């Protein structure tokens, strides 16, 4: 189901709760909502659709990467950039890392470790900030 985008900063700044197998519908709703906004959005966190769960989705060249309870365990090559967000107006300056390693569960709740770089790494970092309650 396509869900409305949350713009209330008091909700967006609340750290996410750990997701469980019972949260599978949130994954489906994130996929549907990201597809509906794909022309101007590369990723989403569950709190952006009103669910305070640790789940993100990032579009990577036409394939969607779902991460449940993601945790960035390594970062390399910091750089400064500006990012916009579907939930917020304008752009904000942030520091990101060119390469990251992430531990997470995939949408089948299987444990994964992935290495990402470039724009995909930046999008994952942005969405993980959402999960931490950081206003980007």
C-alpha atoms as a PDB file:
ATOM      1  CA  UNK A   1       0.000   0.000   0.000  1.00  0.00           C
ATOM      2  CA  UNK A   2       1.274   3.487  -0.848  1.00  0.00           C
ATOM      3  CA  UNK A   3       1.488   5.429   2.400  1.00  0.00           C
ATOM      4  CA  UNK A   4       1.592   9.200   2.953  1.00  0.00           C
ATOM      5  CA  UNK A   5       5.010  10.720   3.660  1.00  0.00           C
ATOM      6  CA  UNK A   6       5.494  11.884   7.257  1.00  0.00           C
ATOM      7  CA  UNK A   7       6.734  15.467   7.544  1.00  0.00           C
ATOM      8  CA  UNK A   8       6.309  15.915  11.303  1.00  0.00           C
ATOM      9  CA  UNK A   9       9.836  16.412  12.683  1.00  0.00           C
ATOM     10  CA  UNK A  10       8.782  15.297  16.181  1.00  0.00           C
ATOM     11  CA  UNK A  11       8.010  11.863  14.720  1.00  0.00           C
ATOM     12  CA  UNK A  12      11.056  11.816  12.444  1.00  0.00           C
ATOM     13  CA  UNK A  13      13.462  12.521  15.323  1.00  0.00           C
ATOM     14  CA  UNK A  14      12.349   9.470  17.338  1.00  0.00           C
ATOM     15  CA  UNK A  15      14.891   6.617  17.126  1.00  0.00           C
ATOM     16  CA  UNK A  16      13.480   3.470  15.491  1.00  0.00           C
ATOM     17  CA  UNK A  17      12.592   0.302  17.357  1.00  0.00           C
ATOM     18  CA  UNK A  18      14.086  -3.007  16.301  1.00  0.00           C
ATOM     19  CA  UNK A  19      12.015  -4.655  13.561  1.00  0.00           C
ATOM     20  CA  UNK A  20      10.780  -8.237  13.792  1.00  0.00           C
ATOM     21  CA  UNK A  21       9.265 -10.794  11.475  1.00  0.00           C
ATOM     22  CA  UNK A  22       5.868  -9.303  12.371  1.00  0.00           C
ATOM     23  CA  UNK A  23       6.819  -6.143  10.457  1.00  0.00           C
ATOM     24  CA  UNK A  24       6.732  -7.683   6.976  1.00  0.00           C
ATOM     25  CA  UNK A  25       3.837  -5.445   5.910  1.00  0.00           C
ATOM     26  CA  UNK A  26       6.018  -2.396   6.590  1.00  0.00           C
ATOM     27  CA  UNK A  27       8.495  -3.740   4.010  1.00  0.00           C
ATOM     28  CA  UNK A  28       5.726  -4.129   1.426  1.00  0.00           C
ATOM     29  CA  UNK A  29       4.430  -0.625   2.131  1.00  0.00           C
ATOM     30  CA  UNK A  30       7.946   0.846   1.866  1.00  0.00           C
ATOM     31  CA  UNK A  31       8.411  -0.822  -1.528  1.00  0.00           C
ATOM     32  CA  UNK A  32       5.064   0.464  -2.806  1.00  0.00           C
ATOM     33  CA  UNK A  33       5.644   3.973  -1.483  1.00  0.00           C
ATOM     34  CA  UNK A  34       9.181   4.200  -2.872  1.00  0.00           C
ATOM     35  CA  UNK A  35       7.938   3.090  -6.306  1.00  0.00           C
ATOM     36  CA  UNK A  36       5.281   5.827  -6.189  1.00  0.00           C
ATOM     37  CA  UNK A  37       8.005   8.430  -5.548  1.00  0.00           C
ATOM     38  CA  UNK A  38      10.783   6.875  -7.657  1.00  0.00           C
ATOM     39  CA  UNK A  39      11.132   9.885  -9.961  1.00  0.00           C
ATOM     40  CA  UNK A  40      12.474  12.010  -7.091  1.00  0.00           C
ATOM     41  CA  UNK A  41      13.422   9.640  -4.262  1.00  0.00           C
ATOM     42  CA  UNK A  42      16.133   6.959  -3.986  1.00  0.00           C
ATOM     43  CA  UNK A  43      15.376   5.559  -0.543  1.00  0.00           C
ATOM     44  CA  UNK A  44      13.073   5.522   2.452  1.00  0.00           C
ATOM     45  CA  UNK A  45      13.092   4.651   6.106  1.00  0.00           C
ATOM     46  CA  UNK A  46      10.038   3.220   7.833  1.00  0.00           C
ATOM     47  CA  UNK A  47       9.512   6.349   9.941  1.00  0.00           C
ATOM     48  CA  UNK A  48       8.936   8.286   6.721  1.00  0.00           C
ATOM     49  CA  UNK A  49       5.692   6.319   6.304  1.00  0.00           C
ATOM     50  CA  UNK A  50       4.689   6.488   9.952  1.00  0.00           C
ATOM     51  CA  UNK A  51       6.233   3.235  11.209  1.00  0.00           C
ATOM     52  CA  UNK A  52       8.870   3.568  13.921  1.00  0.00           C
ATOM     53  CA  UNK A  53      10.693   0.390  12.889  1.00  0.00           C
ATOM     54  CA  UNK A  54      14.308  -0.143  11.877  1.00  0.00           C
ATOM     55  CA  UNK A  55      13.711  -0.857   8.190  1.00  0.00           C
ATOM     56  CA  UNK A  56      15.023   0.955   5.123  1.00  0.00           C
ATOM     57  CA  UNK A  57      14.849   0.521   1.378  1.00  0.00           C
ATOM     58  CA  UNK A  58      17.271   1.963  -1.169  1.00  0.00           C
ATOM     59  CA  UNK A  59      16.933   1.837  -4.934  1.00  0.00           C
ATOM     60  CA  UNK A  60      20.199   0.782  -6.533  1.00  0.00           C
ATOM     61  CA  UNK A  61      20.076   0.929 -10.307  1.00  0.00           C
ATOM     62  CA  UNK A  62      16.589  -0.529 -10.576  1.00  0.00           C
ATOM     63  CA  UNK A  63      16.895  -3.071  -7.785  1.00  0.00           C
ATOM     64  CA  UNK A  64      15.531  -2.387  -4.343  1.00  0.00           C
ATOM     65  CA  UNK A  65      17.723  -3.215  -1.359  1.00  0.00           C
ATOM     66  CA  UNK A  66      15.696  -3.822   1.794  1.00  0.00           C
ATOM     67  CA  UNK A  67      17.592  -3.667   5.073  1.00  0.00           C
ATOM     68  CA  UNK A  68      16.046  -4.702   8.365  1.00  0.00           C
ATOM     69  CA  UNK A  69      17.853  -3.535  11.516  1.00  0.00           C
ATOM     70  CA  UNK A  70      20.839  -2.205   9.506  1.00  0.00           C
ATOM     71  CA  UNK A  71      24.050  -1.313  11.300  1.00  0.00           C
ATOM     72  CA  UNK A  72      26.949   0.432   9.599  1.00  0.00           C
ATOM     73  CA  UNK A  73      30.069  -1.318  10.883  1.00  0.00           C
ATOM     74  CA  UNK A  74      32.774   0.326   8.747  1.00  0.00           C
ATOM     75  CA  UNK A  75      33.187   3.667   6.938  1.00  0.00           C
ATOM     76  CA  UNK A  76      35.926   4.872   4.596  1.00  0.00           C
ATOM     77  CA  UNK A  77      36.758   8.131   2.835  1.00  0.00           C
ATOM     78  CA  UNK A  78      34.645  10.920   4.353  1.00  0.00           C
ATOM     79  CA  UNK A  79      33.360  13.745   2.153  1.00  0.00           C
ATOM     80  CA  UNK A  80      31.018  16.689   2.598  1.00  0.00           C
ATOM     81  CA  UNK A  81      27.841  16.983   0.556  1.00  0.00           C
ATOM     82  CA  UNK A  82      24.323  18.407   0.606  1.00  0.00           C
ATOM     83  CA  UNK A  83      21.205  16.250   0.669  1.00  0.00           C
ATOM     84  CA  UNK A  84      17.514  16.770   0.287  1.00  0.00           C
ATOM     85  CA  UNK A  85      14.818  14.603   1.807  1.00  0.00           C
ATOM     86  CA  UNK A  86      11.283  13.734   0.789  1.00  0.00           C
ATOM     87  CA  UNK A  87      10.129  14.367   4.381  1.00  0.00           C
ATOM     88  CA  UNK A  88      11.804  17.768   4.718  1.00  0.00           C
ATOM     89  CA  UNK A  89      12.088  20.993   2.753  1.00  0.00           C
ATOM     90  CA  UNK A  90      15.394  22.211   1.365  1.00  0.00           C
ATOM     91  CA  UNK A  91      18.858  20.707   1.560  1.00  0.00           C
ATOM     92  CA  UNK A  92      21.246  20.200   4.453  1.00  0.00           C
ATOM     93  CA  UNK A  93      25.012  19.841   4.680  1.00  0.00           C
ATOM     94  CA  UNK A  94      26.231  16.437   5.877  1.00  0.00           C
ATOM     95  CA  UNK A  95      29.387  14.369   6.005  1.00  0.00           C
ATOM     96  CA  UNK A  96      29.125  10.975   4.314  1.00  0.00           C
ATOM     97  CA  UNK A  97      31.560   8.167   3.531  1.00  0.00           C
ATOM     98  CA  UNK A  98      32.423   6.897   0.045  1.00  0.00           C
ATOM     99  CA  UNK A  99      32.476   3.234   1.139  1.00  0.00           C
ATOM    100  CA  UNK A 100      30.578   1.537   3.947  1.00  0.00           C
ATOM    101  CA  UNK A 101      30.000  -1.968   5.270  1.00  0.00           C
ATOM    102  CA  UNK A 102      26.575  -2.778   6.661  1.00  0.00           C
ATOM    103  CA  UNK A 103      25.250  -5.709   8.693  1.00  0.00           C
ATOM    104  CA  UNK A 104      21.510  -6.227   8.247  1.00  0.00           C
ATOM    105  CA  UNK A 105      18.720  -8.696   7.701  1.00  0.00           C
ATOM    106  CA  UNK A 106      17.329  -8.949   4.181  1.00  0.00           C
ATOM    107  CA  UNK A 107      13.586  -8.989   3.538  1.00  0.00           C
ATOM    108  CA  UNK A 108      13.554 -12.745   4.205  1.00  0.00           C
ATOM    109  CA  UNK A 109      15.129 -11.974   7.612  1.00  0.00           C
ATOM    110  CA  UNK A 110      18.409 -13.649   6.642  1.00  0.00           C
ATOM    111  CA  UNK A 111      21.605 -12.122   8.049  1.00  0.00           C
ATOM    112  CA  UNK A 112      23.720 -10.270   5.473  1.00  0.00           C
ATOM    113  CA  UNK A 113      26.837  -8.169   5.349  1.00  0.00           C
ATOM    114  CA  UNK A 114      27.154  -5.847   2.381  1.00  0.00           C
ATOM    115  CA  UNK A 115      29.749  -3.420   1.096  1.00  0.00           C
ATOM    116  CA  UNK A 116      28.440  -0.369  -0.713  1.00  0.00           C
ATOM    117  CA  UNK A 117      30.003   2.657  -2.339  1.00  0.00           C
ATOM    118  CA  UNK A 118      29.139   5.884  -4.092  1.00  0.00           C
ATOM    119  CA  UNK A 119      25.550   7.021  -4.311  1.00  0.00           C
ATOM    120  CA  UNK A 120      24.182   3.765  -2.878  1.00  0.00           C
ATOM    121  CA  UNK A 121      26.385   4.149   0.205  1.00  0.00           C
ATOM    122  CA  UNK A 122      25.257   7.757   0.592  1.00  0.00           C
ATOM    123  CA  UNK A 123      21.572   6.798   0.361  1.00  0.00           C
ATOM    124  CA  UNK A 124      22.010   4.013   2.937  1.00  0.00           C
ATOM    125  CA  UNK A 125      23.726   6.441   5.325  1.00  0.00           C
ATOM    126  CA  UNK A 126      20.887   8.948   4.849  1.00  0.00           C
ATOM    127  CA  UNK A 127      18.238   6.347   5.643  1.00  0.00           C
ATOM    128  CA  UNK A 128      20.199   5.011   8.639  1.00  0.00           C
ATOM    129  CA  UNK A 129      20.282   8.573   9.980  1.00  0.00           C
ATOM    130  CA  UNK A 130      16.470   8.494   9.822  1.00  0.00           C
ATOM    131  CA  UNK A 131      16.472   5.324  11.904  1.00  0.00           C
ATOM    132  CA  UNK A 132      18.675   7.048  14.501  1.00  0.00           C
ATOM    133  CA  UNK A 133      16.214   9.932  14.685  1.00  0.00           C
ATOM    134  CA  UNK A 134      18.584  12.379  12.993  1.00  0.00           C
ATOM    135  CA  UNK A 135      16.900  15.123  11.021  1.00  0.00           C
ATOM    136  CA  UNK A 136      18.754  15.218   7.735  1.00  0.00           C
END
